[in-house]
Amino acid sequence: MFVPVPTIFDFFQFNQGLFEICSKDAKRNHYVKNVPIESLFQEDQAQMLSLNEVPYKAFLIEPCKADNYAMVTFDNNLYSSSPKYAQENVYVKASSDKVWILNQSYEIIMEHKRLYGNGLQSMKWPPYIDLMSKRPCAMKYTTFYQELPDNWQKYLGKQNAEGKRKGLTSLYTMLQKHDMHTAESALAFAISNGVNDTDSILAAYRSLTSQVQQLQPMQLNANVISMPSFATNNARYNDLFRQEVCPL
């Protein structure tokens, strides 16, 4: 199952696939006893102790302090929290695949997928965008603004106060379900089509992310009657308007 050594990006997804492979393999006969492996496993299960009724959740909690950007360092990687927690004491709760940032009351501020590596960063933008949308004219002086993709910085930099607010609100809407890369692509797609208002940007975003199936052109068979073409002539409406209407 592990030759060659697999590359795992998501433990939960990998374990699901591994379970399916093992379930299929369990139907194979044991190489010595020549009976299905799943039958032998059922015999083993009958001799095992029952699992606890209450699942045991394995995680660790440790205190830490958010930096000036409200980012928290855990296991040599950075995780975002919320701007209001900049320079505040918080807690990190970590499992094998998730990292939660908690406040002093142990309430969840933000949830992330756990990063494995060194110097990596997981950024959840909505709290930062929400803060900037409340003070759009001051956003260019914030450190968070400098972290936005270039095309969003240029777009917002050209807008007036109301345009900045609407732009940030549309960006916040996109980030509720998708990441910043998707929002960056949506803006680029809208501008490439010659539009840059917020409604058009959101329409471009929905076009990129919708799961609507594209309809194929209708295929007609050879026995369909060919209809004659008809040329429109608006001058006929002018003739109609010049006629007098007889009163009843």
C-alpha atoms as a PDB file:
ATOM      1  CA  MET A   1       0.000   0.000   0.000  1.00  0.00           C
ATOM      2  CA  PHE A   2       2.937   2.342   0.602  1.00  0.00           C
ATOM      3  CA  VAL A   3       5.301   1.342  -2.200  1.00  0.00           C
ATOM      4  CA  PRO A   4       6.238   3.661  -3.768  1.00  0.00           C
ATOM      5  CA  VAL A   5       5.954   6.065  -0.833  1.00  0.00           C
ATOM      6  CA  PRO A   6       2.808   8.170  -1.465  1.00  0.00           C
ATOM      7  CA  THR A   7       2.680  11.963  -1.353  1.00  0.00           C
ATOM      8  CA  ILE A   8      -0.114  12.947   1.044  1.00  0.00           C
ATOM      9  CA  PHE A   9      -1.743  16.378   0.812  1.00  0.00           C
ATOM     10  CA  ASP A  10      -4.877  15.545   2.829  1.00  0.00           C
ATOM     11  CA  PHE A  11      -4.769  12.841   5.507  1.00  0.00           C
ATOM     12  CA  PHE A  12      -8.556  12.464   5.674  1.00  0.00           C
ATOM     13  CA  GLN A  13      -8.903  12.012   1.917  1.00  0.00           C
ATOM     14  CA  PHE A  14      -5.887   9.680   1.771  1.00  0.00           C
ATOM     15  CA  ASN A  15      -7.249   7.518   4.589  1.00  0.00           C
ATOM     16  CA  GLN A  16     -10.601   7.208   2.847  1.00  0.00           C
ATOM     17  CA  GLY A  17      -8.904   5.953  -0.301  1.00  0.00           C
ATOM     18  CA  LEU A  18      -6.677   3.622   1.731  1.00  0.00           C
ATOM     19  CA  PHE A  19      -9.718   2.160   3.499  1.00  0.00           C
ATOM     20  CA  GLU A  20     -11.390   1.408   0.163  1.00  0.00           C
ATOM     21  CA  ILE A  21      -8.240  -0.317  -1.129  1.00  0.00           C
ATOM     22  CA  CYS A  22      -7.943  -2.409   2.050  1.00  0.00           C
ATOM     23  CA  SER A  23     -11.636  -3.371   1.913  1.00  0.00           C
ATOM     24  CA  LYS A  24     -11.197  -4.710  -1.617  1.00  0.00           C
ATOM     25  CA  ASP A  25      -7.961  -6.463  -0.673  1.00  0.00           C
ATOM     26  CA  ALA A  26      -9.682  -8.144   2.299  1.00  0.00           C
ATOM     27  CA  LYS A  27     -11.655 -10.303  -0.127  1.00  0.00           C
ATOM     28  CA  ARG A  28      -8.384 -11.942  -1.195  1.00  0.00           C
ATOM     29  CA  ASN A  29      -7.581 -15.342   0.276  1.00  0.00           C
ATOM     30  CA  HIS A  30      -4.913 -15.486   2.964  1.00  0.00           C
ATOM     31  CA  TYR A  31      -1.646 -16.745   1.487  1.00  0.00           C
ATOM     32  CA  VAL A  32      -1.361 -19.583   4.063  1.00  0.00           C
ATOM     33  CA  LYS A  33      -4.859 -20.340   5.362  1.00  0.00           C
ATOM     34  CA  ASN A  34      -6.478 -19.951   1.932  1.00  0.00           C
ATOM     35  CA  VAL A  35      -9.628 -18.311   3.320  1.00  0.00           C
ATOM     36  CA  PRO A  36     -10.756 -14.687   2.758  1.00  0.00           C
ATOM     37  CA  ILE A  37      -8.826 -12.213   4.864  1.00  0.00           C
ATOM     38  CA  GLU A  38     -12.059 -10.471   5.891  1.00  0.00           C
ATOM     39  CA  SER A  39     -13.294 -13.737   7.462  1.00  0.00           C
ATOM     40  CA  LEU A  40     -10.123 -14.000   9.542  1.00  0.00           C
ATOM     41  CA  PHE A  41     -10.501 -10.368  10.562  1.00  0.00           C
ATOM     42  CA  GLN A  42     -14.070 -10.986  11.747  1.00  0.00           C
ATOM     43  CA  GLU A  43     -12.762 -13.815  13.956  1.00  0.00           C
ATOM     44  CA  ASP A  44     -10.164 -11.444  15.399  1.00  0.00           C
ATOM     45  CA  GLN A  45     -12.806  -8.762  16.029  1.00  0.00           C
ATOM     46  CA  ALA A  46     -14.865 -11.207  18.102  1.00  0.00           C
ATOM     47  CA  GLN A  47     -11.935 -11.470  20.545  1.00  0.00           C
ATOM     48  CA  MET A  48     -11.303  -7.710  20.759  1.00  0.00           C
ATOM     49  CA  LEU A  49     -12.543  -5.267  23.392  1.00  0.00           C
ATOM     50  CA  SER A  50     -15.271  -2.840  22.350  1.00  0.00           C
ATOM     51  CA  LEU A  51     -14.317   0.699  21.373  1.00  0.00           C
ATOM     52  CA  ASN A  52     -15.250   3.548  23.689  1.00  0.00           C
ATOM     53  CA  GLU A  53     -18.738   4.911  23.069  1.00  0.00           C
ATOM     54  CA  VAL A  54     -17.373   8.444  23.335  1.00  0.00           C
ATOM     55  CA  PRO A  55     -14.736   9.117  20.625  1.00  0.00           C
ATOM     56  CA  TYR A  56     -11.341  10.203  21.947  1.00  0.00           C
ATOM     57  CA  LYS A  57     -10.155  13.324  20.199  1.00  0.00           C
ATOM     58  CA  ALA A  58      -6.375  13.576  19.923  1.00  0.00           C
ATOM     59  CA  PHE A  59      -5.026  17.129  19.869  1.00  0.00           C
ATOM     60  CA  LEU A  60      -2.708  19.464  21.720  1.00  0.00           C
ATOM     61  CA  ILE A  61      -3.264  22.993  22.992  1.00  0.00           C
ATOM     62  CA  GLU A  62      -0.505  25.475  23.613  1.00  0.00           C
ATOM     63  CA  PRO A  63      -0.457  29.228  24.337  1.00  0.00           C
ATOM     64  CA  CYS A  64       1.162  31.684  21.947  1.00  0.00           C
ATOM     65  CA  LYS A  65       1.081  35.349  20.967  1.00  0.00           C
ATOM     66  CA  ALA A  66      -0.119  36.765  17.661  1.00  0.00           C
ATOM     67  CA  ASP A  67       2.245  39.144  15.848  1.00  0.00           C
ATOM     68  CA  ASN A  68       1.519  42.616  14.430  1.00  0.00           C
ATOM     69  CA  TYR A  69      -0.360  41.024  11.518  1.00  0.00           C
ATOM     70  CA  ALA A  70      -2.409  38.802  13.873  1.00  0.00           C
ATOM     71  CA  MET A  71      -0.495  35.803  12.514  1.00  0.00           C
ATOM     72  CA  VAL A  72       0.295  32.920  14.847  1.00  0.00           C
ATOM     73  CA  THR A  73       3.370  30.704  14.594  1.00  0.00           C
ATOM     74  CA  PHE A  74       2.932  26.987  15.207  1.00  0.00           C
ATOM     75  CA  ASP A  75       5.356  24.221  14.297  1.00  0.00           C
ATOM     76  CA  ASN A  76       7.464  26.686  12.230  1.00  0.00           C
ATOM     77  CA  ASN A  77       4.482  27.749  10.086  1.00  0.00           C
ATOM     78  CA  LEU A  78       2.214  30.815  10.147  1.00  0.00           C
ATOM     79  CA  TYR A  79      -1.578  30.808  10.556  1.00  0.00           C
ATOM     80  CA  SER A  80      -3.885  33.834  10.380  1.00  0.00           C
ATOM     81  CA  SER A  81      -6.389  34.741  13.080  1.00  0.00           C
ATOM     82  CA  SER A  82      -8.233  38.094  12.998  1.00  0.00           C
ATOM     83  CA  PRO A  83      -6.860  41.666  12.947  1.00  0.00           C
ATOM     84  CA  LYS A  84      -8.311  42.478  16.368  1.00  0.00           C
ATOM     85  CA  TYR A  85      -6.059  39.826  17.909  1.00  0.00           C
ATOM     86  CA  ALA A  86      -2.814  41.469  16.765  1.00  0.00           C
ATOM     87  CA  GLN A  87      -0.289  41.312  19.626  1.00  0.00           C
ATOM     88  CA  GLU A  88      -2.833  39.389  21.740  1.00  0.00           C
ATOM     89  CA  ASN A  89      -2.319  36.153  23.656  1.00  0.00           C
ATOM     90  CA  VAL A  90      -4.193  33.265  22.047  1.00  0.00           C
ATOM     91  CA  TYR A  91      -4.166  29.470  22.020  1.00  0.00           C
ATOM     92  CA  VAL A  92      -3.352  27.026  19.247  1.00  0.00           C
ATOM     93  CA  LYS A  93      -5.291  23.784  19.156  1.00  0.00           C
ATOM     94  CA  ALA A  94      -3.792  21.278  16.703  1.00  0.00           C
ATOM     95  CA  SER A  95      -4.713  17.823  15.471  1.00  0.00           C
ATOM     96  CA  SER A  96      -3.027  15.790  12.751  1.00  0.00           C
ATOM     97  CA  ASP A  97      -4.860  17.639   9.971  1.00  0.00           C
ATOM     98  CA  LYS A  98      -6.366  20.817  11.481  1.00  0.00           C
ATOM     99  CA  VAL A  99      -5.185  23.891  13.383  1.00  0.00           C
ATOM    100  CA  TRP A 100      -7.574  26.104  15.322  1.00  0.00           C
ATOM    101  CA  ILE A 101      -6.744  29.552  16.722  1.00  0.00           C
ATOM    102  CA  LEU A 102      -8.617  30.118  20.002  1.00  0.00           C
ATOM    103  CA  ASN A 103      -9.125  33.228  22.107  1.00  0.00           C
ATOM    104  CA  GLN A 104      -8.589  33.376  25.864  1.00  0.00           C
ATOM    105  CA  SER A 105     -12.071  31.906  26.390  1.00  0.00           C
ATOM    106  CA  TYR A 106     -11.138  28.943  24.176  1.00  0.00           C
ATOM    107  CA  GLU A 107     -13.556  30.107  21.468  1.00  0.00           C
ATOM    108  CA  ILE A 108     -12.534  29.412  17.868  1.00  0.00           C
ATOM    109  CA  ILE A 109     -11.239  32.461  16.014  1.00  0.00           C
ATOM    110  CA  MET A 110     -10.108  30.672  12.852  1.00  0.00           C
ATOM    111  CA  GLU A 111      -9.714  27.145  11.509  1.00  0.00           C
ATOM    112  CA  HIS A 112      -6.980  26.006   9.101  1.00  0.00           C
ATOM    113  CA  LYS A 113      -5.742  22.864   7.456  1.00  0.00           C
ATOM    114  CA  ARG A 114      -2.504  21.916   9.185  1.00  0.00           C
ATOM    115  CA  LEU A 115       0.634  22.712   7.221  1.00  0.00           C
ATOM    116  CA  TYR A 116       3.550  20.310   7.100  1.00  0.00           C
ATOM    117  CA  GLY A 117       6.864  21.939   6.239  1.00  0.00           C
ATOM    118  CA  ASN A 118       8.844  25.004   7.317  1.00  0.00           C
ATOM    119  CA  GLY A 119       8.072  28.654   6.658  1.00  0.00           C
ATOM    120  CA  LEU A 120       4.657  27.957   5.107  1.00  0.00           C
ATOM    121  CA  GLN A 121       1.645  30.239   5.596  1.00  0.00           C
ATOM    122  CA  SER A 122      -2.108  29.680   5.743  1.00  0.00           C
ATOM    123  CA  MET A 123      -4.055  32.905   5.261  1.00  0.00           C
ATOM    124  CA  LYS A 124      -7.824  33.224   5.759  1.00  0.00           C
ATOM    125  CA  TRP A 125      -8.683  36.649   4.375  1.00  0.00           C
ATOM    126  CA  PRO A 126     -12.342  37.403   5.354  1.00  0.00           C
ATOM    127  CA  PRO A 127     -11.659  39.061   8.765  1.00  0.00           C
ATOM    128  CA  TYR A 128      -8.966  41.266   7.212  1.00  0.00           C
ATOM    129  CA  ILE A 129     -11.114  42.234   4.209  1.00  0.00           C
ATOM    130  CA  ASP A 130     -14.032  42.988   6.531  1.00  0.00           C
ATOM    131  CA  LEU A 131     -11.846  45.365   8.541  1.00  0.00           C
ATOM    132  CA  MET A 132     -10.553  47.165   5.426  1.00  0.00           C
ATOM    133  CA  SER A 133     -14.094  47.557   4.002  1.00  0.00           C
ATOM    134  CA  LYS A 134     -15.097  49.549   7.105  1.00  0.00           C
ATOM    135  CA  ARG A 135     -12.288  52.065   6.546  1.00  0.00           C
ATOM    136  CA  PRO A 136     -11.595  51.877   2.798  1.00  0.00           C
ATOM    137  CA  CYS A 137      -9.662  55.145   2.577  1.00  0.00           C
ATOM    138  CA  ALA A 138      -7.176  54.022   5.229  1.00  0.00           C
ATOM    139  CA  MET A 139      -6.633  50.534   3.817  1.00  0.00           C
ATOM    140  CA  LYS A 140      -3.548  51.446   1.756  1.00  0.00           C
ATOM    141  CA  TYR A 141      -1.750  52.238   4.996  1.00  0.00           C
ATOM    142  CA  THR A 142      -2.441  48.793   6.456  1.00  0.00           C
ATOM    143  CA  THR A 143       0.018  45.949   6.201  1.00  0.00           C
ATOM    144  CA  PHE A 144      -2.794  43.623   5.089  1.00  0.00           C
ATOM    145  CA  TYR A 145      -3.365  45.675   1.928  1.00  0.00           C
ATOM    146  CA  GLN A 146       0.219  45.060   0.820  1.00  0.00           C
ATOM    147  CA  GLU A 147      -0.438  41.305   0.951  1.00  0.00           C
ATOM    148  CA  LEU A 148      -3.291  41.457  -1.595  1.00  0.00           C
ATOM    149  CA  PRO A 149      -2.625  40.216  -5.155  1.00  0.00           C
ATOM    150  CA  ASP A 150      -1.234  42.893  -7.478  1.00  0.00           C
ATOM    151  CA  ASN A 151      -4.326  43.136  -9.665  1.00  0.00           C
ATOM    152  CA  TRP A 152      -6.569  43.737  -6.630  1.00  0.00           C
ATOM    153  CA  GLN A 153      -4.185  46.379  -5.260  1.00  0.00           C
ATOM    154  CA  LYS A 154      -4.201  48.196  -8.627  1.00  0.00           C
ATOM    155  CA  TYR A 155      -7.969  47.893  -8.986  1.00  0.00           C
ATOM    156  CA  LEU A 156      -8.750  49.183  -5.511  1.00  0.00           C
ATOM    157  CA  GLY A 157      -6.120  51.923  -5.801  1.00  0.00           C
ATOM    158  CA  LYS A 158      -8.021  53.459  -8.746  1.00  0.00           C
ATOM    159  CA  GLN A 159     -11.382  53.568  -6.973  1.00  0.00           C
ATOM    160  CA  ASN A 160     -12.933  56.335  -4.892  1.00  0.00           C
ATOM    161  CA  ALA A 161     -14.034  55.644  -1.320  1.00  0.00           C
ATOM    162  CA  GLU A 162     -17.354  54.108  -2.358  1.00  0.00           C
ATOM    163  CA  GLY A 163     -15.687  52.100  -5.112  1.00  0.00           C
ATOM    164  CA  LYS A 164     -13.137  50.751  -2.631  1.00  0.00           C
ATOM    165  CA  ARG A 165     -15.902  49.745  -0.236  1.00  0.00           C
ATOM    166  CA  LYS A 166     -17.894  47.972  -2.968  1.00  0.00           C
ATOM    167  CA  GLY A 167     -14.752  46.291  -4.290  1.00  0.00           C
ATOM    168  CA  LEU A 168     -13.810  44.992  -0.853  1.00  0.00           C
ATOM    169  CA  THR A 169     -17.377  43.835  -0.229  1.00  0.00           C
ATOM    170  CA  SER A 170     -17.368  41.846  -3.479  1.00  0.00           C
ATOM    171  CA  LEU A 171     -13.963  40.413  -2.570  1.00  0.00           C
ATOM    172  CA  TYR A 172     -15.319  39.414   0.850  1.00  0.00           C
ATOM    173  CA  THR A 173     -18.260  37.648  -0.863  1.00  0.00           C
ATOM    174  CA  MET A 174     -15.913  35.604  -3.040  1.00  0.00           C
ATOM    175  CA  LEU A 175     -13.664  34.643  -0.146  1.00  0.00           C
ATOM    176  CA  GLN A 176     -16.565  33.172   1.811  1.00  0.00           C
ATOM    177  CA  LYS A 177     -16.465  30.089  -0.425  1.00  0.00           C
ATOM    178  CA  HIS A 178     -13.210  30.271  -2.381  1.00  0.00           C
ATOM    179  CA  ASP A 179      -9.593  31.319  -1.912  1.00  0.00           C
ATOM    180  CA  MET A 180      -7.758  34.469  -2.948  1.00  0.00           C
ATOM    181  CA  HIS A 181      -6.426  32.816  -6.109  1.00  0.00           C
ATOM    182  CA  THR A 182     -10.017  32.406  -7.352  1.00  0.00           C
ATOM    183  CA  ALA A 183     -10.803  36.050  -6.570  1.00  0.00           C
ATOM    184  CA  GLU A 184      -7.633  37.090  -8.411  1.00  0.00           C
ATOM    185  CA  SER A 185      -8.686  35.050 -11.464  1.00  0.00           C
ATOM    186  CA  ALA A 186     -12.222  36.489 -11.372  1.00  0.00           C
ATOM    187  CA  LEU A 187     -10.925  40.078 -11.451  1.00  0.00           C
ATOM    188  CA  ALA A 188      -8.502  39.263 -14.274  1.00  0.00           C
ATOM    189  CA  PHE A 189     -11.309  37.572 -16.227  1.00  0.00           C
ATOM    190  CA  ALA A 190     -13.649  40.570 -15.813  1.00  0.00           C
ATOM    191  CA  ILE A 191     -11.007  43.107 -16.864  1.00  0.00           C
ATOM    192  CA  SER A 192     -10.008  40.990 -19.888  1.00  0.00           C
ATOM    193  CA  ASN A 193     -13.641  41.278 -21.020  1.00  0.00           C
ATOM    194  CA  GLY A 194     -13.591  45.065 -20.730  1.00  0.00           C
ATOM    195  CA  VAL A 195     -15.608  45.446 -17.508  1.00  0.00           C
ATOM    196  CA  ASN A 196     -14.502  46.414 -14.011  1.00  0.00           C
ATOM    197  CA  ASP A 197     -17.631  47.269 -12.003  1.00  0.00           C
ATOM    198  CA  THR A 198     -18.273  45.129  -8.934  1.00  0.00           C
ATOM    199  CA  ASP A 199     -21.401  43.473 -10.370  1.00  0.00           C
ATOM    200  CA  SER A 200     -19.441  42.343 -13.429  1.00  0.00           C
ATOM    201  CA  ILE A 201     -16.575  41.078 -11.255  1.00  0.00           C
ATOM    202  CA  LEU A 202     -19.010  38.988  -9.209  1.00  0.00           C
ATOM    203  CA  ALA A 203     -20.606  37.732 -12.440  1.00  0.00           C
ATOM    204  CA  ALA A 204     -17.154  36.705 -13.680  1.00  0.00           C
ATOM    205  CA  TYR A 205     -16.521  34.947 -10.358  1.00  0.00           C
ATOM    206  CA  ARG A 206     -19.796  33.001 -10.596  1.00  0.00           C
ATOM    207  CA  SER A 207     -19.028  32.111 -14.191  1.00  0.00           C
ATOM    208  CA  LEU A 208     -15.656  30.665 -13.168  1.00  0.00           C
ATOM    209  CA  THR A 209     -16.961  28.763 -10.151  1.00  0.00           C
ATOM    210  CA  SER A 210     -20.429  27.601 -11.213  1.00  0.00           C
ATOM    211  CA  GLN A 211     -21.015  23.938 -11.896  1.00  0.00           C
ATOM    212  CA  VAL A 212     -23.603  24.595 -14.614  1.00  0.00           C
ATOM    213  CA  GLN A 213     -23.120  22.165 -17.460  1.00  0.00           C
ATOM    214  CA  GLN A 214     -22.396  23.782 -20.794  1.00  0.00           C
ATOM    215  CA  LEU A 215     -25.027  22.848 -23.387  1.00  0.00           C
ATOM    216  CA  GLN A 216     -23.786  21.478 -26.678  1.00  0.00           C
ATOM    217  CA  PRO A 217     -25.187  22.764 -30.010  1.00  0.00           C
ATOM    218  CA  MET A 218     -28.295  20.884 -31.075  1.00  0.00           C
ATOM    219  CA  GLN A 219     -27.613  18.303 -33.749  1.00  0.00           C
ATOM    220  CA  LEU A 220     -30.367  18.191 -36.394  1.00  0.00           C
ATOM    221  CA  ASN A 221     -30.914  15.258 -38.731  1.00  0.00           C
ATOM    222  CA  ALA A 222     -31.035  15.618 -42.492  1.00  0.00           C
ATOM    223  CA  ASN A 223     -34.842  15.496 -42.935  1.00  0.00           C
ATOM    224  CA  VAL A 224     -35.526  18.746 -41.030  1.00  0.00           C
ATOM    225  CA  ILE A 225     -37.199  21.284 -43.301  1.00  0.00           C
ATOM    226  CA  SER A 226     -34.998  24.242 -44.124  1.00  0.00           C
ATOM    227  CA  MET A 227     -36.771  27.516 -43.268  1.00  0.00           C
ATOM    228  CA  PRO A 228     -36.394  30.483 -45.609  1.00  0.00           C
ATOM    229  CA  SER A 229     -34.484  33.471 -44.320  1.00  0.00           C
ATOM    230  CA  PHE A 230     -36.355  36.628 -43.411  1.00  0.00           C
ATOM    231  CA  ALA A 231     -34.888  40.105 -43.607  1.00  0.00           C
ATOM    232  CA  THR A 232     -36.217  42.610 -41.057  1.00  0.00           C
ATOM    233  CA  ASN A 233     -37.391  46.002 -42.289  1.00  0.00           C
ATOM    234  CA  ASN A 234     -38.206  48.533 -39.571  1.00  0.00           C
ATOM    235  CA  ALA A 235     -39.505  50.971 -42.190  1.00  0.00           C
ATOM    236  CA  ARG A 236     -42.753  48.990 -42.261  1.00  0.00           C
ATOM    237  CA  TYR A 237     -43.415  50.099 -38.665  1.00  0.00           C
ATOM    238  CA  ASN A 238     -43.062  53.721 -39.793  1.00  0.00           C
ATOM    239  CA  ASP A 239     -45.764  53.125 -42.420  1.00  0.00           C
ATOM    240  CA  LEU A 240     -47.993  51.652 -39.730  1.00  0.00           C
ATOM    241  CA  PHE A 241     -47.516  54.611 -37.382  1.00  0.00           C
ATOM    242  CA  ARG A 242     -48.451  57.110 -40.133  1.00  0.00           C
ATOM    243  CA  GLN A 243     -51.880  55.538 -40.546  1.00  0.00           C
ATOM    244  CA  GLU A 244     -54.827  57.159 -38.808  1.00  0.00           C
ATOM    245  CA  VAL A 245     -56.731  55.225 -36.191  1.00  0.00           C
ATOM    246  CA  CYS A 246     -60.485  55.339 -36.590  1.00  0.00           C
ATOM    247  CA  PRO A 247     -62.304  56.053 -33.327  1.00  0.00           C
ATOM    248  CA  LEU A 248     -64.876  53.524 -32.177  1.00  0.00           C
END
